[in-house]
Amino acid sequence: MSRMLKYSLVFLSATTSQVLAQNEICGEFLKNPVFTKEIFESNLKSNSDFKSLLCSANWRSASEAQGAGIDVTVPIYNIPVPISANWNNSKVEQWKSANCSTEERKASYQERLYNSVYKINPISADTALQCVKAVSDDRAIRCSVTEGEGSAIFQVEWRRTSGEDASAAPMISSLTVSSAECLNLNDLSNGVRLSEGGVSLLCKRGDNAPLFTVNTSRGQCFAYGISKLDIVELAGDLILDRPTTIKAARIKIRDNFRAVTLGYPLQITADDTLEIAGSPQIVSFPPGAKDALKPGKPAGTINIKARKIQGGGLSIINVGEDGGPGTQGQKGPTGTQGGPGQGRDPISGGGGGGLFGRVLEVVPKSCTGGKGGGTGTKGGKGLTGLNGAPGGAAGQVILSLPAGAEEENAIKVLTDVGIDAAQRACGGAICGGIGGAGGTGGPGGDGGPGGPGAPGTTWCGGTSAGDRGPTGDPGDTGGKGDEGPVARVQYN
């Protein structure tokens, strides 16, 4: 009976943390341990696969164990938690001596890793081994598995480099096969030297995922298939925070499934059947206001593969993110101050003859009008608003589907639309993000202050100050950002 597995966004590092940190893909998987305290308490204490993993591992530090997905809160090798503070290599060796057989210690670490992780989440196991393959892809040998309905072909080949002669060919030292029965195992028996053309094993597979591990004089390689029992169900909201691969024999996408990629690549591979119910969605970015001056992010590639499709109605909007708006221009400069006022002068009048008349002649009887301070000049024009940020590039959508799926719109990639599904003109392609609108012009500068009035004297009062000048004109609106490049849908 098939096991129904709810998809959870969990990833695993499968080699040491030092090596993984140097690999762009695998570095992402260090962030989320698979073997957590909760899982340990409910599952791993009595899990023989986990024990076998500990026996086969050659971790030399706590960081290497954590690189294999072991949380610092999970007790291993009888080392007190947190293991990052209490790691002790002698305790590790003591535990192995007391708990592990010789066969367990010599077993394939990759195989034990796959089996132990698989019991928790098949997607994590698949991602872990992809990571290991990415790190070890420069080795002298390469392995692959090609699967049919009830069969699997395992191939291992020598990656001969320029200048190497036949004496450099890798020699088989051991072969491990799990969940498969192979007809020609002797072709990869101990002592066999590989050729450039490689050796293939024809195997009958069961429901579980077949796993092959080869050790040679020039390194190790491994390959794996999928389990026919696995059903991955995608339902509810899924927001990506890293490149994501979802792979299983059968994948069921429910009506309420809505994935937001946030520009990260997404690959969905159904090695047998992809079931689609209702109207699920995959979108690149959520609609809504964007941060000012922030360029839109490009959308990542969405790659969907399936041998068979049941149902339909999945829609994909892989538009680039819109750019953020420009900001308001700066305020214009303040106008200059008006000129100073002109003072009032005394006016004397005639006083007649005699002493009294001469006194009156020097006493002012009135004052001239004078002039008040001048009006300040007009403030300067506000500065132009800043341009909006450019939109992000559209993401490619690659569909590898059975014949007829395109015509039946089993998966519909929306073109000539924005992120909100509103119509746009993008030449029949997936639209790039819209550049942000320019910022508004800055406010005009304040008018200059009025000039000061003239001061008063003993006989005449002062004049008034001038008026403040008028406010300057606002600046011009900034330009709109560039739209992101469009993308095409590719059918394989």
Protein backbone atom coordinates (compact mmCIF):
# COMPACT_ATOMS: atom_id res chain seq x y z
CA MET A 1 0.00 0.00 0.00
CA SER A 2 1.37 3.43 -0.91
CA ARG A 3 2.60 5.74 1.78
CA MET A 4 1.18 9.27 1.58
CA LEU A 5 3.92 11.74 2.40
CA LYS A 6 3.25 15.40 3.14
CA TYR A 7 5.96 17.53 1.57
CA SER A 8 8.05 19.52 3.98
CA LEU A 9 10.81 21.93 2.99
CA VAL A 10 13.70 20.11 4.65
CA PHE A 11 17.14 19.66 3.19
CA LEU A 12 20.27 17.80 4.14
CA SER A 13 23.99 18.16 3.82
CA ALA A 14 25.49 14.80 2.97
CA THR A 15 29.22 15.37 3.29
CA THR A 16 31.41 17.32 5.63
CA SER A 17 30.55 20.91 6.32
CA GLN A 18 33.94 22.14 5.13
CA VAL A 19 33.48 20.62 1.68
CA LEU A 20 29.85 21.66 1.47
CA ALA A 21 30.59 25.25 2.35
CA GLN A 22 32.73 25.43 -0.78
CA ASN A 23 29.87 24.21 -2.97
CA GLU A 24 27.25 26.78 -3.91
CA ILE A 25 24.39 24.28 -4.13
CA CYS A 26 25.21 22.22 -1.06
CA GLY A 27 25.95 25.24 1.09
CA GLU A 28 22.22 25.93 1.21
CA PHE A 29 21.53 22.56 2.84
CA LEU A 30 23.61 23.23 5.93
CA LYS A 31 20.96 25.55 7.33
CA ASN A 32 18.31 22.97 8.29
CA PRO A 33 19.27 19.77 10.14
CA VAL A 34 17.25 16.68 9.25
CA PHE A 35 17.98 14.74 12.44
CA THR A 36 16.35 16.95 15.07
CA LYS A 37 15.74 16.26 18.75
CA GLU A 38 12.02 15.78 18.09
CA ILE A 39 12.65 13.21 15.36
CA PHE A 40 15.27 11.49 17.51
CA GLU A 41 12.87 11.09 20.42
CA SER A 42 10.05 9.75 18.23
CA ASN A 43 11.95 7.71 15.68
CA LEU A 44 15.73 7.46 15.79
CA LYS A 45 16.33 5.91 19.23
CA SER A 46 15.33 2.48 17.94
CA ASN A 47 16.14 3.05 14.26
CA SER A 48 18.73 0.55 13.03
CA ASP A 49 19.44 2.61 9.90
CA PHE A 50 20.49 5.57 12.03
CA LYS A 51 22.77 3.35 14.09
CA SER A 52 24.31 1.99 10.88
CA LEU A 53 24.91 5.54 9.71
CA LEU A 54 26.82 6.35 12.89
CA CYS A 55 28.92 3.21 12.46
CA SER A 56 29.86 3.92 8.83
CA ALA A 57 30.52 7.66 9.29
CA ASN A 58 34.05 8.96 9.75
CA TRP A 59 33.20 12.38 11.14
CA ARG A 60 36.26 13.96 12.72
CA SER A 61 34.48 16.87 14.38
CA ALA A 62 31.07 18.05 15.52
CA SER A 63 30.85 20.36 12.51
CA GLU A 64 31.23 17.38 10.15
CA ALA A 65 28.40 15.58 11.93
CA GLN A 66 26.26 18.70 11.69
CA GLY A 67 27.15 18.89 8.01
CA ALA A 68 25.46 15.49 7.65
CA GLY A 69 22.23 16.89 9.09
CA ILE A 70 22.77 16.07 12.80
CA ASP A 71 21.38 18.80 15.05
CA VAL A 72 23.52 19.85 18.01
CA THR A 73 20.72 18.70 20.33
CA VAL A 74 20.75 15.08 19.10
CA PRO A 75 22.85 12.73 21.29
CA ILE A 76 25.26 10.58 19.26
CA TYR A 77 28.15 8.32 20.31
CA ASN A 78 27.17 8.93 23.99
CA ILE A 79 28.56 12.46 23.69
CA PRO A 80 26.71 14.97 25.89
CA VAL A 81 24.73 17.62 24.03
CA PRO A 82 25.37 20.04 22.62
CA ILE A 83 27.84 18.00 20.58
CA SER A 84 29.42 21.19 19.23
CA ALA A 85 30.82 21.89 22.69
CA ASN A 86 31.54 18.32 23.81
CA TRP A 87 32.92 16.48 20.78
CA ASN A 88 35.48 13.85 21.72
CA ASN A 89 37.06 11.58 19.09
CA SER A 90 38.14 9.02 21.66
CA LYS A 91 34.53 8.65 22.85
CA VAL A 92 33.45 8.15 19.25
CA GLU A 93 35.95 5.31 18.82
CA GLN A 94 34.94 3.73 22.13
CA TRP A 95 31.27 3.78 21.10
CA LYS A 96 32.01 2.22 17.70
CA SER A 97 34.15 -0.49 19.27
CA ALA A 98 31.31 -1.42 21.61
CA ASN A 99 28.35 -1.06 19.21
CA CYS A 100 29.48 -1.63 15.62
CA SER A 101 30.47 -4.77 13.77
CA THR A 102 33.36 -4.81 11.33
CA GLU A 103 30.88 -5.00 8.44
CA GLU A 104 28.97 -1.96 9.72
CA ARG A 105 32.14 0.09 9.99
CA LYS A 106 33.19 -0.81 6.45
CA ALA A 107 29.74 -0.25 4.95
CA SER A 108 29.06 2.48 2.40
CA TYR A 109 28.50 5.75 4.21
CA GLN A 110 26.44 7.12 1.30
CA GLU A 111 24.13 4.10 1.32
CA ARG A 112 23.63 4.32 5.10
CA LEU A 113 23.02 8.04 4.82
CA TYR A 114 20.38 7.53 2.16
CA ASN A 115 18.58 4.78 4.08
CA SER A 116 18.48 6.64 7.38
CA VAL A 117 17.29 9.92 5.86
CA TYR A 118 14.81 8.15 3.61
CA LYS A 119 12.82 6.96 6.63
CA ILE A 120 12.31 10.61 7.62
CA ASN A 121 11.74 12.27 4.25
CA PRO A 122 12.46 10.81 0.79
CA ILE A 123 12.91 14.29 -0.69
CA SER A 124 15.65 15.06 1.78
CA ALA A 125 17.40 11.79 0.95
CA ASP A 126 17.24 12.54 -2.74
CA THR A 127 18.58 16.06 -2.21
CA ALA A 128 21.36 14.79 0.02
CA LEU A 129 22.73 12.42 -2.59
CA GLN A 130 22.42 15.04 -5.32
CA CYS A 131 24.58 17.21 -3.10
CA VAL A 132 27.18 14.47 -2.62
CA LYS A 133 27.28 13.86 -6.36
CA ALA A 134 27.79 17.58 -7.00
CA VAL A 135 30.75 17.67 -4.61
CA SER A 136 32.39 14.50 -5.96
CA ASP A 137 31.72 15.03 -9.66
CA ASP A 138 35.40 15.60 -10.43
CA ARG A 139 36.38 12.02 -9.60
CA ALA A 140 37.75 9.51 -12.09
CA ILE A 141 34.54 7.45 -12.23
CA ARG A 142 30.91 8.28 -12.85
CA CYS A 143 27.75 6.33 -12.02
CA SER A 144 24.18 6.59 -13.27
CA VAL A 145 20.87 4.71 -13.09
CA THR A 146 18.29 4.44 -15.87
CA GLU A 147 14.93 3.04 -14.76
CA GLY A 148 12.15 1.28 -16.62
CA GLU A 149 8.81 -0.07 -15.43
CA GLY A 150 10.31 -2.98 -13.50
CA SER A 151 13.99 -2.73 -14.33
CA ALA A 152 17.01 -0.57 -13.67
CA ILE A 153 20.26 -0.27 -15.60
CA PHE A 154 23.25 0.75 -13.52
CA GLN A 155 26.25 2.06 -15.41
CA VAL A 156 29.71 2.96 -14.15
CA GLU A 157 32.39 4.40 -16.43
CA TRP A 158 35.96 5.63 -16.31
CA ARG A 159 36.31 9.36 -16.94
CA ARG A 160 39.60 9.08 -18.74
CA THR A 161 41.57 12.31 -19.04
CA SER A 162 44.06 13.34 -21.68
CA GLY A 163 47.39 11.54 -21.34
CA GLU A 164 46.12 8.58 -19.27
CA ASP A 165 46.83 5.12 -20.66
CA ALA A 166 45.04 1.86 -19.96
CA SER A 167 47.14 1.15 -16.88
CA ALA A 168 45.42 4.10 -15.13
CA ALA A 169 41.97 2.50 -15.43
CA PRO A 170 40.22 2.23 -12.01
CA MET A 171 40.02 -1.25 -10.52
CA ILE A 172 36.86 -2.43 -8.75
CA SER A 173 37.35 -3.20 -5.08
CA SER A 174 33.71 -3.62 -3.98
CA LEU A 175 30.12 -3.26 -5.21
CA THR A 176 27.00 -2.82 -3.08
CA VAL A 177 23.49 -3.19 -4.51
CA SER A 178 20.34 -2.48 -2.50
CA SER A 179 16.71 -3.11 -3.51
CA ALA A 180 17.61 -4.68 -6.85
CA GLU A 181 18.63 -8.06 -8.28
CA CYS A 182 21.24 -7.81 -11.06
CA LEU A 183 21.93 -10.48 -13.70
CA ASN A 184 25.60 -9.76 -14.48
CA LEU A 185 27.21 -8.85 -11.15
CA ASN A 186 30.45 -10.57 -12.20
CA ASP A 187 31.03 -7.78 -14.70
CA LEU A 188 31.81 -5.57 -11.71
CA SER A 189 33.50 -8.09 -9.44
CA ASN A 190 36.66 -7.34 -7.47
CA GLY A 191 39.70 -6.79 -9.67
CA VAL A 192 37.82 -5.80 -12.83
CA ARG A 193 39.26 -2.73 -14.54
CA LEU A 194 36.81 -0.20 -15.97
CA SER A 195 36.97 0.97 -19.55
CA GLU A 196 36.00 4.31 -21.01
CA GLY A 197 32.86 2.74 -22.40
CA GLY A 198 31.89 1.63 -18.91
CA VAL A 199 30.09 -1.41 -17.56
CA SER A 200 26.32 -1.77 -17.27
CA LEU A 201 24.35 -4.02 -14.94
CA LEU A 202 20.84 -5.08 -15.93
CA CYS A 203 18.77 -5.34 -12.78
CA LYS A 204 15.25 -6.23 -11.73
CA ARG A 205 13.96 -3.66 -9.27
CA GLY A 206 11.23 -3.81 -6.67
CA ASP A 207 9.09 -1.12 -5.10
CA ASN A 208 11.89 0.43 -3.03
CA ALA A 209 14.46 2.78 -4.51
CA PRO A 210 17.48 0.89 -5.92
CA LEU A 211 20.86 2.09 -4.68
CA PHE A 212 24.29 1.22 -6.13
CA THR A 213 27.69 1.98 -4.60
CA VAL A 214 31.05 1.18 -6.26
CA ASN A 215 34.48 1.47 -4.65
CA THR A 216 37.51 1.53 -6.93
CA SER A 217 41.24 2.16 -6.74
CA ARG A 218 40.50 5.72 -7.90
CA GLY A 219 37.55 6.68 -5.76
CA GLN A 220 33.93 5.87 -5.08
CA CYS A 221 30.68 6.68 -6.84
CA PHE A 222 27.05 5.84 -6.29
CA ALA A 223 23.69 6.25 -7.98
CA TYR A 224 20.10 5.71 -6.93
CA GLY A 225 16.62 5.47 -8.37
CA ILE A 226 13.22 6.21 -6.87
CA SER A 227 10.76 4.26 -4.82
CA LYS A 228 7.56 3.29 -6.58
CA LEU A 229 5.76 3.43 -3.26
CA ASP A 230 6.41 7.10 -2.73
CA ILE A 231 3.61 9.58 -3.19
CA VAL A 232 4.41 13.21 -2.46
CA GLU A 233 1.39 15.42 -1.89
CA LEU A 234 1.67 19.17 -2.41
CA ALA A 235 -1.01 21.12 -0.59
CA GLY A 236 -1.37 24.52 1.07
CA ASP A 237 1.12 27.37 0.82
CA LEU A 238 4.78 26.79 -0.01
CA ILE A 239 7.16 29.77 0.05
CA LEU A 240 10.67 28.94 -1.13
CA ASP A 241 13.79 30.22 0.61
CA ARG A 242 16.32 28.33 -1.55
CA PRO A 243 16.55 26.34 -4.80
CA THR A 244 14.12 23.43 -4.44
CA THR A 245 13.76 20.00 -6.03
CA ILE A 246 10.68 17.84 -5.46
CA LYS A 247 11.04 14.34 -6.89
CA ALA A 248 8.98 11.19 -6.46
CA ALA A 249 7.38 8.41 -8.44
CA ARG A 250 3.96 10.02 -8.08
CA ILE A 251 3.29 13.64 -7.16
CA LYS A 252 -0.20 14.87 -6.30
CA ILE A 253 -0.83 18.60 -6.55
CA ARG A 254 -3.97 19.55 -4.66
CA ASP A 255 -6.44 22.32 -5.50
CA ASN A 256 -5.32 24.52 -2.59
CA PHE A 257 -1.60 24.32 -3.43
CA ARG A 258 0.02 27.71 -4.00
CA ALA A 259 3.78 28.04 -4.31
CA VAL A 260 5.64 31.35 -4.29
CA THR A 261 9.19 30.87 -5.56
CA LEU A 262 10.55 34.33 -4.62
CA GLY A 263 12.91 33.98 -7.57
CA TYR A 264 14.45 30.63 -6.53
CA PRO A 265 14.59 27.77 -9.08
CA LEU A 266 11.91 25.10 -8.61
CA GLN A 267 12.02 21.63 -10.13
CA ILE A 268 9.14 19.16 -9.85
CA THR A 269 9.87 15.69 -11.25
CA ALA A 270 7.28 12.92 -11.28
CA ASP A 271 9.08 9.83 -12.53
CA ASP A 272 5.76 8.08 -12.99
CA THR A 273 2.62 10.25 -12.70
CA LEU A 274 1.82 13.89 -11.97
CA GLU A 275 -1.74 14.32 -10.67
CA ILE A 276 -3.26 17.80 -10.74
CA ALA A 277 -6.59 18.60 -9.09
CA GLY A 278 -8.54 21.85 -9.25
CA SER A 279 -6.71 25.11 -9.91
CA PRO A 280 -3.36 25.13 -8.06
CA GLN A 281 -0.87 27.93 -8.73
CA ILE A 282 2.84 28.57 -8.90
CA VAL A 283 3.81 32.26 -8.90
CA SER A 284 7.18 33.93 -8.78
CA PHE A 285 6.45 36.88 -6.47
CA PRO A 286 3.46 38.15 -4.51
CA PRO A 287 1.81 41.32 -5.83
CA GLY A 288 1.99 44.48 -3.79
CA ALA A 289 4.02 47.62 -3.15
CA LYS A 290 7.80 47.34 -3.46
CA ASP A 291 10.52 49.08 -1.48
CA ALA A 292 11.60 52.41 -2.92
CA LEU A 293 14.65 52.30 -5.22
CA LYS A 294 14.92 48.48 -4.89
CA PRO A 295 15.42 46.71 -8.24
CA GLY A 296 13.06 43.84 -8.97
CA LYS A 297 14.54 40.34 -8.56
CA PRO A 298 14.66 38.03 -11.58
CA ALA A 299 12.36 35.02 -11.52
CA GLY A 300 14.05 31.62 -11.30
CA THR A 301 13.55 28.75 -13.74
CA ILE A 302 10.56 26.49 -13.13
CA ASN A 303 11.15 23.00 -14.49
CA ILE A 304 8.37 20.38 -14.45
CA LYS A 305 8.89 16.82 -15.70
CA ALA A 306 6.42 13.94 -15.78
CA ARG A 307 6.00 10.68 -17.69
CA LYS A 308 2.22 10.78 -17.30
CA ILE A 309 -0.29 13.45 -16.27
CA GLN A 310 -3.71 12.97 -14.71
CA GLY A 311 -6.10 15.90 -14.43
CA GLY A 312 -4.91 19.43 -15.07
CA GLY A 313 -5.43 23.07 -14.25
CA LEU A 314 -2.06 24.11 -12.81
CA SER A 315 -1.28 27.73 -13.72
CA ILE A 316 2.19 29.29 -13.62
CA ILE A 317 3.03 33.00 -13.50
CA ASN A 318 6.81 33.34 -13.61
CA VAL A 319 6.99 37.10 -14.09
CA GLY A 320 9.99 39.12 -12.93
CA GLU A 321 9.52 41.19 -9.79
CA ASP A 322 8.44 44.80 -10.25
CA GLY A 323 10.97 47.49 -9.44
CA GLY A 324 10.48 49.85 -6.52
CA PRO A 325 9.36 53.45 -7.07
CA GLY A 326 11.71 56.39 -7.14
CA THR A 327 11.82 58.78 -4.21
CA GLN A 328 10.82 62.46 -4.05
CA GLY A 329 13.35 65.01 -5.20
CA GLN A 330 15.00 67.32 -2.71
CA LYS A 331 13.51 70.65 -1.75
CA GLY A 332 14.59 73.64 -3.80
CA PRO A 333 16.95 76.28 -2.34
CA THR A 334 15.59 79.16 -0.27
CA GLY A 335 15.30 82.54 -2.00
CA THR A 336 17.62 85.38 -1.07
CA GLN A 337 16.80 88.06 1.45
CA GLY A 338 15.20 91.34 0.29
CA GLY A 339 17.13 94.59 0.40
CA PRO A 340 17.17 96.78 3.55
CA GLY A 341 14.64 99.59 4.06
CA GLN A 342 15.40 103.33 3.71
CA GLY A 343 15.26 105.45 6.92
CA ARG A 344 12.94 108.40 7.58
CA ASP A 345 14.65 111.82 7.69
CA PRO A 346 13.44 114.73 9.91
CA ILE A 347 11.84 117.82 8.29
CA SER A 348 12.36 121.17 10.10
CA GLY A 349 10.02 124.14 9.78
CA GLY A 350 10.59 127.97 10.03
CA GLY A 351 9.96 129.48 13.44
CA GLY A 352 9.91 133.32 12.81
CA GLY A 353 12.20 135.93 14.41
CA GLY A 354 13.68 136.15 17.81
CA LEU A 355 15.24 133.57 20.07
CA PHE A 356 12.11 131.45 20.15
CA GLY A 357 11.84 131.42 16.38
CA ARG A 358 15.46 130.26 16.02
CA VAL A 359 14.76 127.36 18.40
CA LEU A 360 11.77 126.26 16.35
CA GLU A 361 13.86 126.24 13.21
CA VAL A 362 15.99 123.35 14.50
CA VAL A 363 13.14 121.28 15.95
CA PRO A 364 11.74 118.84 13.28
CA LYS A 365 8.09 119.29 12.70
CA SER A 366 7.72 116.01 10.65
CA CYS A 367 9.66 113.12 8.96
CA THR A 368 10.00 111.86 5.40
CA GLY A 369 8.23 108.59 4.49
CA GLY A 370 11.32 106.38 4.10
CA LYS A 371 11.01 102.88 2.59
CA GLY A 372 10.33 99.47 4.13
CA GLY A 373 12.58 96.42 3.60
CA GLY A 374 12.50 94.76 0.17
CA THR A 375 10.55 91.58 -0.59
CA GLY A 376 12.62 88.36 -0.54
CA THR A 377 13.26 86.61 -3.84
CA LYS A 378 11.30 83.54 -4.99
CA GLY A 379 12.47 80.18 -3.69
CA GLY A 380 14.35 77.86 -6.09
CA LYS A 381 12.64 75.11 -8.07
CA GLY A 382 12.44 71.72 -6.39
CA LEU A 383 14.81 69.04 -7.67
CA THR A 384 13.68 66.24 -10.02
CA GLY A 385 12.45 63.03 -8.36
CA LEU A 386 14.69 59.96 -8.54
CA ASN A 387 14.03 57.37 -11.24
CA GLY A 388 12.14 54.19 -10.38
CA ALA A 389 14.17 50.98 -10.03
CA PRO A 390 14.22 48.49 -12.95
CA GLY A 391 12.02 45.40 -12.98
CA GLY A 392 13.49 41.91 -12.72
CA ALA A 393 13.82 39.50 -15.65
CA ALA A 394 11.13 36.92 -16.28
CA GLY A 395 11.94 33.30 -15.45
CA GLN A 396 12.01 30.50 -17.98
CA VAL A 397 9.49 27.68 -17.67
CA ILE A 398 10.62 24.28 -18.99
CA LEU A 399 7.95 21.60 -19.37
CA SER A 400 8.95 18.01 -20.13
CA LEU A 401 5.54 16.37 -20.44
CA PRO A 402 3.91 13.50 -22.32
CA ALA A 403 2.52 14.14 -25.79
CA GLY A 404 -0.81 15.97 -25.80
CA ALA A 405 -0.35 17.66 -22.41
CA GLU A 406 0.41 21.02 -24.02
CA GLU A 407 -2.70 20.97 -26.19
CA GLU A 408 -4.90 19.95 -23.27
CA ASN A 409 -3.60 22.82 -21.07
CA ALA A 410 -2.79 20.41 -18.28
CA ILE A 411 -0.25 23.02 -17.19
CA LYS A 412 -0.92 26.56 -18.35
CA VAL A 413 1.92 29.07 -18.34
CA LEU A 414 0.45 32.57 -18.37
CA THR A 415 2.05 34.95 -20.84
CA ASP A 416 1.32 38.63 -21.52
CA VAL A 417 0.26 39.15 -17.90
CA GLY A 418 1.69 40.87 -14.86
CA ILE A 419 2.25 39.34 -11.46
CA ASP A 420 -1.40 40.13 -10.60
CA ALA A 421 -2.56 38.31 -13.79
CA ALA A 422 -3.66 41.63 -15.34
CA GLN A 423 -3.14 41.80 -19.10
CA ARG A 424 0.11 43.26 -20.46
CA ALA A 425 1.72 43.30 -23.88
CA CYS A 426 4.89 41.18 -23.81
CA GLY A 427 4.91 39.78 -27.33
CA GLY A 428 3.41 36.44 -26.36
CA ALA A 429 6.14 35.78 -23.77
CA ILE A 430 6.42 35.63 -19.99
CA CYS A 431 6.63 39.26 -18.87
CA GLY A 432 9.52 40.85 -17.06
CA GLY A 433 8.89 42.98 -14.01
CA ILE A 434 7.61 46.53 -14.47
CA GLY A 435 10.05 49.31 -13.66
CA GLY A 436 9.04 51.44 -10.71
CA ALA A 437 7.43 54.84 -11.25
CA GLY A 438 9.63 57.88 -10.88
CA GLY A 439 9.52 59.83 -7.65
CA THR A 440 7.65 63.13 -7.51
CA GLY A 441 9.56 66.38 -7.91
CA GLY A 442 10.81 67.98 -4.75
CA PRO A 443 8.87 70.91 -3.22
CA GLY A 444 9.89 74.39 -4.23
CA GLY A 445 12.24 76.24 -1.92
CA ASP A 446 10.90 78.75 0.59
CA GLY A 447 10.82 82.36 -0.51
CA GLY A 448 13.62 84.51 0.80
CA PRO A 449 12.99 86.53 3.96
CA GLY A 450 12.01 90.17 3.57
CA GLY A 451 14.70 92.77 3.96
CA PRO A 452 15.00 94.49 7.36
CA GLY A 453 13.32 97.85 7.84
CA ALA A 454 15.36 100.96 8.61
CA PRO A 455 15.84 101.67 12.31
CA GLY A 456 14.17 104.68 13.97
CA THR A 457 15.98 107.82 15.19
CA THR A 458 15.38 110.31 18.01
CA TRP A 459 12.89 112.19 15.92
CA CYS A 460 11.62 109.61 13.35
CA GLY A 461 10.34 106.05 13.76
CA GLY A 462 11.71 102.99 11.88
CA THR A 463 10.27 101.47 8.73
CA SER A 464 8.70 97.99 8.42
CA ALA A 465 10.49 94.83 7.27
CA GLY A 466 9.85 93.48 3.78
CA ASP A 467 7.58 90.56 2.89
CA ARG A 468 8.85 86.95 2.47
CA GLY A 469 9.28 85.97 -1.14
CA PRO A 470 6.97 83.44 -2.87
CA THR A 471 7.62 79.67 -2.68
CA GLY A 472 9.49 78.15 -5.63
CA ASP A 473 7.92 75.81 -8.18
CA PRO A 474 7.95 72.02 -7.54
CA GLY A 475 10.49 69.91 -9.44
CA ASP A 476 9.81 67.53 -12.30
CA THR A 477 8.77 63.89 -11.75
CA GLY A 478 11.55 61.34 -12.24
CA GLY A 479 11.61 58.80 -15.05
CA LYS A 480 10.19 55.28 -14.85
CA GLY A 481 12.54 52.34 -14.39
CA ASP A 482 13.26 49.90 -17.20
CA GLU A 483 11.10 46.81 -17.57
CA GLY A 484 12.77 43.45 -17.08
CA PRO A 485 13.52 41.12 -20.01
CA VAL A 486 10.83 38.64 -21.05
CA ALA A 487 11.21 34.85 -21.23
CA ARG A 488 9.79 32.05 -23.36
CA VAL A 489 8.15 28.78 -22.44
CA GLN A 490 10.18 25.76 -23.50
CA TYR A 491 8.62 22.37 -24.19
CA ASN A 492 10.91 19.34 -24.19
